C-alpha cells in the first residue's frame, strides 16, 4: 500500500494557478477565482424543505418494512 504525500499549500496554490492560467488565460482565471459561492441554506431550514417534499407514507413504508 502506498503512502499518500500531500504537497504543501503554497505548492498546491502555485500549481493550481498555473493550470488555470494555462487553460483559461489570466483574465478568465481571475474571473473563475472570484465567482461567488452559492450561499448554503441553514441546515434546519434545508431539513424542513426536504420534509415538505417527501411522501410520508412511502417514506415510513421504506424505513419500517
Protein backbone atom coordinates (compact mmCIF):
# COMPACT_ATOMS: atom_id res chain seq x y z
CA UNK A 1 0.00 0.00 0.00
CA UNK A 2 1.36 3.41 -0.99
CA UNK A 3 1.62 6.24 1.48
CA UNK A 4 -0.03 9.39 0.17
CA UNK A 5 2.08 12.53 0.42
CA UNK A 6 0.41 15.90 0.29
CA UNK A 7 2.01 18.94 -1.26
CA UNK A 8 2.30 21.97 0.94
CA UNK A 9 -0.42 24.59 0.41
CA UNK A 10 1.90 27.03 -1.32
CA UNK A 11 2.80 24.43 -3.99
CA UNK A 12 -0.85 23.45 -4.50
CA UNK A 13 -1.86 27.10 -4.95
CA UNK A 14 1.01 27.75 -7.36
CA UNK A 15 0.27 24.67 -9.49
CA UNK A 16 -3.46 25.36 -9.45
CA UNK A 17 -2.97 28.95 -10.58
CA UNK A 18 -0.58 27.87 -13.31
CA UNK A 19 -3.10 25.31 -14.58
CA UNK A 20 -5.97 27.82 -14.51
CA UNK A 21 -3.96 30.48 -16.32
CA UNK A 22 -2.70 27.97 -18.89
CA UNK A 23 -6.19 26.68 -19.67
CA UNK A 24 -8.30 29.81 -19.23
CA UNK A 25 -5.90 32.69 -19.65
CA UNK A 26 -5.15 35.25 -16.95
CA UNK A 27 -8.40 37.23 -17.15
CA UNK A 28 -10.72 34.22 -17.11
CA UNK A 29 -8.66 32.53 -14.37
CA UNK A 30 -9.15 35.56 -12.11
CA UNK A 31 -12.84 35.65 -13.05
CA UNK A 32 -13.14 31.98 -12.08
CA UNK A 33 -11.46 32.55 -8.73
CA UNK A 34 -13.79 35.45 -7.96
CA UNK A 35 -17.05 33.68 -8.79
CA UNK A 36 -19.11 33.99 -5.60
CA UNK A 37 -20.06 30.74 -3.92
CA UNK A 38 -23.69 29.88 -3.58
CA UNK A 39 -24.72 30.55 -0.01
CA UNK A 40 -25.59 27.36 1.84
CA UNK A 41 -29.02 27.05 3.30
CA UNK A 42 -29.07 26.74 7.07
CA UNK A 43 -29.38 23.05 7.97
CA UNK A 44 -32.69 23.23 9.87
CA UNK A 45 -34.31 25.18 7.03
CA UNK A 46 -32.90 22.70 4.50
CA UNK A 47 -34.29 19.78 6.53
CA UNK A 48 -37.74 21.38 6.72
CA UNK A 49 -37.75 21.95 2.96
CA UNK A 50 -36.83 18.28 2.46
CA UNK A 51 -39.64 17.20 4.81
CA UNK A 52 -42.18 19.15 2.75
CA UNK A 53 -41.19 17.22 -0.36
CA UNK A 54 -41.30 13.63 0.93
CA UNK A 55 -44.29 11.33 0.73
CA UNK A 56 -44.75 10.46 4.40
CA UNK A 57 -46.47 7.10 3.85
CA UNK A 58 -43.95 5.91 1.27
CA UNK A 59 -41.06 7.08 3.45
CA UNK A 60 -42.31 5.22 6.51
CA UNK A 61 -43.02 2.10 4.45
CA UNK A 62 -39.43 2.09 3.19
CA UNK A 63 -37.98 2.62 6.66
CA UNK A 64 -40.15 0.31 8.75
CA UNK A 65 -40.81 -2.64 6.41
